[in-house]
Amino acid sequence: MEPQKDTQYYHSYRPGDKPRQTELPTAHEAVSLGGGQASFPALGATLPAYGVPLAGAQPQVQAAPHTRRSVKKWLKRILISILIIVLLAGVYVGAKFLINASKTFGGNLFGLVQNDKLEGEDQGRVNILLAGNSADDAGHAGGDLTDSIMLISLNTKDKTAFVVSIPRDLWVDIPGHGYSKINAAYVYGKSDKFSQSGYAVGGMGLLEKVVEQNFDVTINYYALVNYTALRQAVDAVGGVDVTIKSSDPRGLYDPSADYSTRKPYGPLVKLTNGVHTLNGQQALNLARARGDAYGSYGYAQSDFTRTANQRLLLAALKDKATSAGVATNPVRLGSLLDSIGNNVQTDFKTTEVRRLVTLSQQIPSSSITSVSLNSANGKNLLASYRTYNGQSALVPAAGVDDYSDITAYLDKLLTPPTASTSN
């Protein structure tokens, strides 16, 4: 006999119907709502069955599938955007490089993928004649005069270099024009349209010939820069750091008017001893100042102090331009390329650019020697000279046209002693 089911009944009817009995669910049976809807828990069920958490219980929260898909979608979009920005930056720098390379270097743009050796590299020495003028300054009389002349010599074997300044007032014999200051050689060559085998065409070619004949050194390449090149290059890299070490405890001061910015009053330079971060205009002013105005101080050697500051700025610019902050910044790199492309003339070819950059990166600033002919190992190789027409000039200390001491000094720099070996 089956056990009796605990069944309860209730009567439900509508008017006109016969009474009927409906069986109620037991305490452990769920009530179905019908139509595919969810069921209520059985009568007498515990609270969790109704979805009510007990005290102290940790609710289990799971992200909806569509939320996870949305996050992945946004991450993908961000990564794609970053990739596009990097590609555009690369295209921007590449375009800048190509445009400015076509302006500055000889040869076609396809040469940029090549890595040709530089002239003189097989002999272990690449010599570059660097000259600067103010041809871009319309208000500066004598703008074509190369008031800054340097010989940059790169030792390709031991990865060292030296930079020697050639005084602009050096009294030399310029072929076809007789004696004059060396800064006029470029002007004569440009006017004459100088053209001779083995030399560049124009003003820089004649300047190369004068330097080679007097200093007994082979010039492999030249570069001519103007005021704007230095100013824009320094601004492009975000300024340069220089350390002023003047013999005057007050530092450097030149009250001359800054004609390049058309300011009627100075000072052109006012810097204390110590470290300074200079912008483009400040760097240009330091490169120009000779301290020859009344009230100047810190320029005990006048033009030699100026050329020393120029070498200081050149090294500082090299350090900043090759730093990670510039090399990885497309905006700064693009601006630096613009400063070169618009303001530099050179006979480097596009096929040699990569090799030049690589070699420059391999020579740290600590391995670059700054040289002045008025203090060559403590000896002044130059002497003051009064020209036939009353100009103040400089000549070799050994006498006019006697460059023997100077060439002997340069020979030691060009051919450093090799380490001796013993058995």
Protein backbone atom coordinates (compact mmCIF):
# COMPACT_ATOMS: atom_id res chain seq x y z
CA MET A 1 0.00 0.00 0.00
CA GLU A 2 1.47 3.38 -1.05
CA PRO A 3 2.01 5.92 1.67
CA GLN A 4 -0.61 8.55 1.72
CA LYS A 5 0.44 11.72 0.02
CA ASP A 6 0.15 14.85 2.06
CA THR A 7 -2.19 16.62 -0.29
CA GLN A 8 -4.11 19.81 0.28
CA TYR A 9 -7.00 21.02 -1.82
CA TYR A 10 -8.70 24.28 -2.44
CA HIS A 11 -11.82 25.01 -4.34
CA SER A 12 -11.80 27.30 -7.33
CA TYR A 13 -14.67 28.00 -9.61
CA ARG A 14 -16.36 30.59 -11.70
CA PRO A 15 -20.05 31.41 -11.57
CA GLY A 16 -21.97 28.69 -13.32
CA ASP A 17 -19.19 26.14 -12.98
CA LYS A 18 -19.24 23.10 -10.92
CA PRO A 19 -16.97 23.23 -7.96
CA ARG A 20 -13.60 21.54 -8.54
CA GLN A 21 -10.59 20.74 -6.50
CA THR A 22 -7.03 21.79 -7.36
CA GLU A 23 -4.08 20.05 -5.84
CA LEU A 24 -1.55 22.38 -4.16
CA PRO A 25 2.15 21.65 -4.49
CA THR A 26 3.97 20.26 -1.58
CA ALA A 27 6.60 22.19 0.27
CA HIS A 28 9.36 20.69 -1.87
CA GLU A 29 7.82 21.08 -5.29
CA ALA A 30 8.39 24.11 -7.48
CA VAL A 31 5.62 26.03 -9.09
CA SER A 32 5.95 26.38 -12.84
CA LEU A 33 4.64 29.58 -14.32
CA GLY A 34 4.13 27.99 -17.67
CA GLY A 35 4.91 29.38 -21.07
CA GLY A 36 8.62 28.63 -20.69
CA GLN A 37 9.01 31.05 -17.80
CA ALA A 38 11.20 30.39 -14.80
CA SER A 39 9.82 28.45 -11.87
CA PHE A 40 9.45 29.72 -8.37
CA PRO A 41 11.31 27.71 -5.74
CA ALA A 42 9.32 25.14 -3.92
CA LEU A 43 7.43 26.15 -0.86
CA GLY A 44 9.57 26.01 2.21
CA ALA A 45 12.81 26.36 0.25
CA THR A 46 15.74 28.24 1.81
CA LEU A 47 16.59 31.88 0.97
CA PRO A 48 19.46 31.12 -1.42
CA ALA A 49 16.98 29.38 -3.64
CA TYR A 50 15.29 32.76 -4.10
CA GLY A 51 18.61 34.40 -5.02
CA VAL A 52 19.02 36.11 -1.68
CA PRO A 53 22.64 35.88 -0.46
CA LEU A 54 23.28 34.78 3.05
CA ALA A 55 25.16 37.03 5.42
CA GLY A 56 28.90 36.89 4.80
CA ALA A 57 28.61 35.18 1.42
CA GLN A 58 30.70 36.63 -1.43
CA PRO A 59 28.66 37.33 -4.56
CA GLN A 60 30.06 35.73 -7.72
CA VAL A 61 30.32 38.43 -10.43
CA GLN A 62 31.27 37.48 -13.95
CA ALA A 63 31.88 39.89 -16.82
CA ALA A 64 29.39 39.63 -19.56
CA PRO A 65 30.79 38.18 -22.79
CA HIS A 66 30.00 41.35 -24.72
CA THR A 67 32.01 43.44 -22.19
CA ARG A 68 35.16 41.32 -22.72
CA ARG A 69 34.79 41.62 -26.45
CA SER A 70 34.46 45.41 -26.14
CA VAL A 71 37.71 45.69 -24.13
CA LYS A 72 39.61 43.59 -26.67
CA LYS A 73 38.25 45.74 -29.47
CA TRP A 74 39.46 48.95 -27.83
CA LEU A 75 42.90 47.50 -27.10
CA LYS A 76 43.20 46.50 -30.72
CA ARG A 77 42.24 50.00 -31.85
CA ILE A 78 44.81 51.59 -29.51
CA LEU A 79 47.58 49.31 -30.76
CA ILE A 80 46.69 50.05 -34.39
CA SER A 81 46.67 53.80 -33.66
CA ILE A 82 50.13 53.61 -32.05
CA LEU A 83 51.43 51.64 -35.02
CA ILE A 84 50.03 54.23 -37.44
CA ILE A 85 51.63 57.09 -35.47
CA VAL A 86 55.02 55.31 -35.50
CA LEU A 87 54.75 54.67 -39.23
CA LEU A 88 53.76 58.27 -39.94
CA ALA A 89 56.68 59.52 -37.81
CA GLY A 90 59.02 57.31 -39.80
CA VAL A 91 57.60 58.56 -43.08
CA TYR A 92 57.91 62.16 -41.87
CA VAL A 93 61.57 61.80 -40.89
CA GLY A 94 62.32 59.81 -44.02
CA ALA A 95 60.75 62.45 -46.23
CA LYS A 96 62.66 65.21 -44.43
CA PHE A 97 65.88 63.31 -44.88
CA LEU A 98 65.29 62.67 -48.57
CA ILE A 99 64.30 66.26 -49.30
CA ASN A 100 67.23 67.78 -47.43
CA ALA A 101 69.69 65.20 -48.71
CA SER A 102 68.78 66.19 -52.26
CA LYS A 103 69.51 69.82 -51.37
CA THR A 104 72.78 69.22 -49.57
CA PHE A 105 74.61 66.21 -50.96
CA GLY A 106 75.75 65.36 -54.46
CA GLY A 107 74.34 62.31 -56.26
CA ASN A 108 70.87 60.84 -56.48
CA LEU A 109 68.62 59.77 -53.62
CA PHE A 110 69.14 56.07 -54.31
CA GLY A 111 72.70 56.57 -53.13
CA LEU A 112 71.40 56.95 -49.55
CA VAL A 113 71.01 53.18 -49.28
CA GLN A 114 74.70 52.72 -50.06
CA ASN A 115 77.53 52.87 -47.56
CA ASP A 116 80.59 53.89 -49.57
CA LYS A 117 83.92 54.44 -47.88
CA LEU A 118 84.99 58.03 -47.44
CA GLU A 119 87.94 59.54 -49.26
CA GLY A 120 91.05 59.11 -47.16
CA GLU A 121 89.50 56.35 -45.05
CA ASP A 122 91.84 53.69 -46.44
CA GLN A 123 94.75 55.88 -45.37
CA GLY A 124 93.21 56.18 -41.91
CA ARG A 125 92.45 59.91 -42.04
CA VAL A 126 89.50 61.95 -43.38
CA ASN A 127 90.01 65.73 -43.40
CA ILE A 128 87.08 68.13 -43.66
CA LEU A 129 87.38 71.88 -44.19
CA LEU A 130 84.54 73.62 -42.35
CA ALA A 131 83.89 77.29 -43.09
CA GLY A 132 81.21 79.64 -41.84
CA ASN A 133 79.99 82.99 -43.12
CA SER A 134 77.09 85.36 -42.63
CA ALA A 135 75.86 85.46 -46.22
CA ASP A 136 72.33 84.97 -44.91
CA ASP A 137 72.53 88.20 -42.87
CA ALA A 138 71.54 90.91 -45.33
CA GLY A 139 72.54 93.69 -42.94
CA HIS A 140 76.06 92.39 -42.36
CA ALA A 141 78.73 93.96 -44.56
CA GLY A 142 81.18 91.41 -45.91
CA GLY A 143 78.77 88.56 -45.34
CA ASP A 144 80.65 86.26 -47.76
CA LEU A 145 83.90 86.50 -45.78
CA THR A 146 84.53 83.16 -44.05
CA ASP A 147 85.15 84.44 -40.55
CA SER A 148 85.09 80.90 -39.16
CA ILE A 149 87.49 78.33 -40.64
CA MET A 150 88.23 74.95 -39.09
CA LEU A 151 90.02 71.79 -40.12
CA ILE A 152 88.28 68.69 -38.77
CA SER A 153 90.40 65.55 -39.00
CA LEU A 154 88.88 62.12 -38.30
CA ASN A 155 91.15 59.19 -37.50
CA THR A 156 89.21 56.24 -38.91
CA LYS A 157 91.45 53.62 -37.32
CA ASP A 158 91.59 54.57 -33.64
CA LYS A 159 88.33 56.54 -33.72
CA THR A 160 89.72 59.87 -32.55
CA ALA A 161 89.60 63.35 -34.05
CA PHE A 162 90.97 66.83 -33.70
CA VAL A 163 89.59 70.24 -34.64
CA VAL A 164 91.97 73.12 -35.34
CA SER A 165 90.85 76.69 -35.96
CA ILE A 166 92.52 78.66 -38.75
CA PRO A 167 92.51 82.38 -37.85
CA ARG A 168 90.47 84.48 -40.24
CA ASP A 169 93.18 87.19 -40.14
CA LEU A 170 95.97 84.89 -41.33
CA TRP A 171 97.95 86.70 -44.02
CA VAL A 172 98.32 84.35 -47.00
CA ASP A 173 99.14 84.37 -50.68
CA ILE A 174 95.91 83.73 -52.57
CA PRO A 175 96.55 82.43 -56.11
CA GLY A 176 95.62 85.07 -58.67
CA HIS A 177 95.08 87.78 -56.07
CA GLY A 178 98.27 88.18 -54.10
CA TYR A 179 98.43 88.55 -50.33
CA SER A 180 95.26 88.98 -48.34
CA LYS A 181 93.58 87.68 -45.23
CA ILE A 182 92.54 84.06 -45.62
CA ASN A 183 88.86 84.85 -45.01
CA ALA A 184 88.79 86.59 -48.40
CA ALA A 185 89.80 83.46 -50.36
CA TYR A 186 86.20 82.26 -50.59
CA VAL A 187 85.04 85.66 -51.88
CA TYR A 188 87.70 85.69 -54.62
CA GLY A 189 86.97 82.12 -55.64
CA LYS A 190 83.26 82.75 -55.81
CA SER A 191 83.75 85.91 -57.88
CA ASP A 192 86.22 84.22 -60.23
CA LYS A 193 84.12 81.06 -60.53
CA PHE A 194 87.23 79.15 -59.54
CA SER A 195 87.53 75.78 -61.24
CA GLN A 196 90.60 73.60 -61.01
CA SER A 197 91.08 69.85 -61.10
CA GLY A 198 91.21 68.30 -57.65
CA TYR A 199 89.26 71.10 -55.97
CA ALA A 200 85.66 72.09 -55.52
CA VAL A 201 84.21 74.64 -57.90
CA GLY A 202 83.87 78.22 -56.66
CA GLY A 203 84.86 79.89 -53.42
CA MET A 204 85.36 76.78 -51.31
CA GLY A 205 87.62 75.31 -53.95
CA LEU A 206 90.01 78.26 -53.77
CA LEU A 207 89.92 78.20 -49.96
CA GLU A 208 90.78 74.48 -50.05
CA LYS A 209 93.78 75.20 -52.29
CA VAL A 210 95.09 77.93 -49.99
CA VAL A 211 94.81 75.70 -46.91
CA GLU A 212 96.44 72.71 -48.61
CA GLN A 213 99.36 74.74 -49.96
CA ASN A 214 100.15 76.48 -46.69
CA PHE A 215 99.37 73.75 -44.15
CA ASP A 216 100.58 70.81 -46.24
CA VAL A 217 97.45 68.80 -45.55
CA THR A 218 95.07 67.02 -47.92
CA ILE A 219 91.45 68.21 -47.80
CA ASN A 220 89.00 65.43 -48.61
CA TYR A 221 85.73 67.32 -48.17
CA TYR A 222 84.35 70.75 -47.39
CA ALA A 223 81.24 72.15 -45.74
CA LEU A 224 80.09 75.77 -45.81
CA VAL A 225 77.52 76.87 -43.24
CA ASN A 226 75.84 80.19 -42.49
CA TYR A 227 74.50 81.91 -39.38
CA THR A 228 71.05 80.37 -39.76
CA ALA A 229 72.46 76.83 -39.82
CA LEU A 230 73.92 77.12 -36.32
CA ARG A 231 70.94 78.95 -34.87
CA GLN A 232 68.35 76.55 -36.31
CA ALA A 233 70.39 73.43 -35.54
CA VAL A 234 70.76 74.36 -31.86
CA ASP A 235 67.05 75.18 -31.58
CA ALA A 236 66.18 71.93 -33.38
CA VAL A 237 67.92 69.79 -30.75
CA GLY A 238 66.39 71.75 -27.87
CA GLY A 239 69.46 73.82 -26.97
CA VAL A 240 73.03 72.86 -26.11
CA ASP A 241 74.90 72.72 -22.82
CA VAL A 242 78.25 74.51 -22.63
CA THR A 243 80.61 75.05 -19.74
CA ILE A 244 82.16 78.51 -19.62
CA LYS A 245 85.68 78.52 -18.19
CA SER A 246 86.81 82.10 -18.59
CA SER A 247 90.05 83.32 -17.11
CA ASP A 248 87.99 86.20 -15.72
CA PRO A 249 86.06 85.15 -12.57
CA ARG A 250 83.05 87.09 -13.83
CA GLY A 251 82.78 84.96 -16.96
CA LEU A 252 82.24 86.34 -20.48
CA TYR A 253 80.80 89.73 -21.39
CA ASP A 254 80.64 91.50 -24.74
CA PRO A 255 78.36 94.56 -24.83
CA SER A 256 78.38 94.74 -28.63
CA ALA A 257 75.01 95.26 -30.32
CA ASP A 258 73.30 92.15 -31.64
CA TYR A 259 72.85 93.18 -35.26
CA SER A 260 71.55 89.77 -36.34
CA THR A 261 68.37 90.39 -34.34
CA ARG A 262 68.41 94.15 -35.04
CA LYS A 263 68.61 95.01 -31.35
CA PRO A 264 70.19 98.48 -30.98
CA TYR A 265 71.79 97.62 -27.66
CA GLY A 266 73.79 94.68 -26.33
CA PRO A 267 74.99 92.76 -24.67
CA LEU A 268 75.87 90.24 -27.30
CA VAL A 269 77.12 87.84 -24.64
CA LYS A 270 76.85 87.85 -20.86
CA LEU A 271 77.58 84.46 -19.29
CA THR A 272 78.96 83.55 -15.89
CA ASN A 273 81.50 80.78 -15.49
CA GLY A 274 79.81 77.40 -15.23
CA VAL A 275 77.25 75.38 -17.17
CA HIS A 276 74.70 77.13 -19.39
CA THR A 277 71.98 75.82 -21.70
CA LEU A 278 71.93 78.05 -24.78
CA ASN A 279 69.20 78.43 -27.37
CA GLY A 280 70.00 78.99 -31.03
CA GLN A 281 70.40 82.77 -30.87
CA GLN A 282 72.52 82.64 -27.72
CA ALA A 283 74.77 80.01 -29.29
CA LEU A 284 75.17 82.12 -32.42
CA ASN A 285 76.03 85.19 -30.36
CA LEU A 286 78.66 83.24 -28.43
CA ALA A 287 80.15 82.02 -31.72
CA ARG A 288 80.38 85.58 -33.05
CA ALA A 289 81.56 87.54 -29.99
CA ARG A 290 85.22 88.57 -29.85
CA GLY A 291 85.04 90.83 -26.82
CA ASP A 292 86.49 93.81 -28.72
CA ALA A 293 83.84 96.30 -27.57
CA TYR A 294 84.58 98.74 -24.75
CA GLY A 295 83.77 97.23 -21.37
CA SER A 296 84.17 93.60 -22.48
CA TYR A 297 85.74 91.05 -20.17
CA GLY A 298 86.67 87.39 -20.36
CA TYR A 299 88.11 87.70 -23.88
CA ALA A 300 91.77 87.88 -22.99
CA GLN A 301 92.73 86.37 -26.35
CA SER A 302 90.11 88.17 -28.43
CA ASP A 303 89.53 86.23 -31.66
CA PHE A 304 91.25 83.13 -30.27
CA THR A 305 88.69 83.07 -27.45
CA ARG A 306 85.96 83.30 -30.07
CA THR A 307 87.32 80.37 -32.09
CA ALA A 308 87.70 78.33 -28.90
CA ASN A 309 84.02 78.99 -28.15
CA GLN A 310 83.14 77.91 -31.68
CA ARG A 311 84.88 74.58 -31.17
CA LEU A 312 83.10 74.25 -27.82
CA LEU A 313 79.72 74.79 -29.49
CA LEU A 314 80.53 72.35 -32.28
CA ALA A 315 81.25 69.58 -29.75
CA ALA A 316 78.12 70.41 -27.73
CA LEU A 317 75.94 70.31 -30.84
CA LYS A 318 77.46 66.98 -31.89
CA ASP A 319 76.69 65.50 -28.44
CA LYS A 320 73.10 66.72 -28.43
CA ALA A 321 72.35 65.78 -32.05
CA THR A 322 73.47 62.18 -31.48
CA SER A 323 71.67 61.82 -28.14
CA ALA A 324 68.68 59.49 -27.77
CA GLY A 325 66.41 62.44 -27.03
CA VAL A 326 66.97 63.80 -30.52
CA ALA A 327 67.61 60.62 -32.50
CA THR A 328 64.25 59.15 -31.37
CA ASN A 329 62.25 62.38 -31.64
CA PRO A 330 60.86 62.76 -35.18
CA VAL A 331 60.00 66.45 -34.73
CA ARG A 332 63.46 67.43 -33.48
CA LEU A 333 65.17 65.20 -36.04
CA GLY A 334 63.08 66.69 -38.85
CA SER A 335 63.93 70.24 -37.75
CA LEU A 336 67.62 69.37 -37.53
CA LEU A 337 67.54 68.00 -41.07
CA ASP A 338 65.83 71.19 -42.24
CA SER A 339 68.55 73.33 -40.66
CA ILE A 340 71.17 71.38 -42.63
CA GLY A 341 69.31 71.15 -45.90
CA ASN A 342 68.56 74.86 -46.11
CA ASN A 343 71.87 76.26 -44.92
CA VAL A 344 74.77 73.91 -45.66
CA GLN A 345 76.78 73.38 -48.85
CA THR A 346 79.11 70.39 -49.12
CA ASP A 347 80.72 68.03 -51.59
CA PHE A 348 79.84 64.88 -49.64
CA LYS A 349 77.88 62.50 -51.86
CA THR A 350 74.66 60.75 -50.91
CA THR A 351 76.48 57.41 -51.11
CA GLU A 352 78.83 58.59 -48.33
CA VAL A 353 76.27 59.98 -45.88
CA ARG A 354 75.61 56.74 -44.00
CA ARG A 355 79.32 56.12 -43.53
CA LEU A 356 79.90 59.67 -42.29
CA VAL A 357 77.09 59.35 -39.73
CA THR A 358 78.36 55.97 -38.54
CA LEU A 359 81.92 57.22 -38.17
CA SER A 360 80.78 60.31 -36.28
CA GLN A 361 78.84 58.16 -33.83
CA GLN A 362 81.90 56.00 -33.23
CA ILE A 363 84.01 58.95 -32.11
CA PRO A 364 83.01 60.14 -28.60
CA SER A 365 83.49 63.79 -27.70
CA SER A 366 86.07 62.76 -25.12
CA SER A 367 88.23 61.56 -28.04
CA ILE A 368 88.07 64.89 -29.91
CA THR A 369 90.97 67.30 -29.32
CA SER A 370 90.37 71.04 -29.66
CA VAL A 371 93.45 72.79 -31.07
CA SER A 372 94.50 76.43 -31.34
CA LEU A 373 97.63 77.54 -33.19
CA ASN A 374 98.35 80.22 -30.59
CA SER A 375 98.67 77.57 -27.90
CA ALA A 376 100.18 74.46 -29.48
CA ASN A 377 101.55 72.52 -26.54
CA GLY A 378 101.98 75.85 -24.79
CA LYS A 379 103.70 77.52 -27.73
CA ASN A 380 102.31 80.33 -29.88
CA LEU A 381 102.91 79.43 -33.52
CA LEU A 382 101.53 82.78 -34.74
CA ALA A 383 102.69 86.39 -34.63
CA SER A 384 101.03 89.76 -35.17
CA TYR A 385 101.73 91.47 -38.46
CA ARG A 386 101.07 94.89 -39.98
CA THR A 387 100.30 94.66 -43.69
CA TYR A 388 101.49 97.03 -46.41
CA ASN A 389 98.14 98.79 -46.34
CA GLY A 390 98.01 99.08 -42.56
CA GLN A 391 95.82 96.11 -41.68
CA SER A 392 96.36 94.09 -38.52
CA ALA A 393 96.95 90.48 -39.47
CA LEU A 394 98.60 87.25 -38.32
CA VAL A 395 101.49 85.32 -39.84
CA PRO A 396 103.45 82.24 -38.77
CA ALA A 397 105.77 83.00 -35.86
CA ALA A 398 108.64 81.74 -38.04
CA GLY A 399 107.92 84.48 -40.57
CA VAL A 400 105.68 85.29 -43.56
CA ASP A 401 105.02 82.14 -45.61
CA ASP A 402 107.13 80.00 -43.24
CA TYR A 403 104.70 77.35 -42.06
CA SER A 404 107.35 74.82 -41.05
CA ASP A 405 106.55 74.91 -37.32
CA ILE A 406 102.82 74.77 -37.98
CA THR A 407 103.04 71.84 -40.40
CA ALA A 408 105.37 69.97 -38.03
CA TYR A 409 102.80 70.38 -35.25
CA LEU A 410 99.93 69.25 -37.49
CA ASP A 411 101.97 66.26 -38.67
CA LYS A 412 102.17 65.03 -35.10
CA LEU A 413 98.40 65.33 -34.78
CA LEU A 414 97.79 63.68 -38.14
CA THR A 415 100.15 60.77 -37.48
CA PRO A 416 99.96 59.96 -33.76
CA PRO A 417 102.69 57.66 -32.49
CA THR A 418 101.88 53.95 -32.55
CA ALA A 419 102.40 51.76 -29.55
CA SER A 420 105.78 50.04 -29.65
CA THR A 421 105.91 46.29 -29.35
CA SER A 422 108.63 44.17 -27.82
CA ASN A 423 109.44 40.49 -28.30
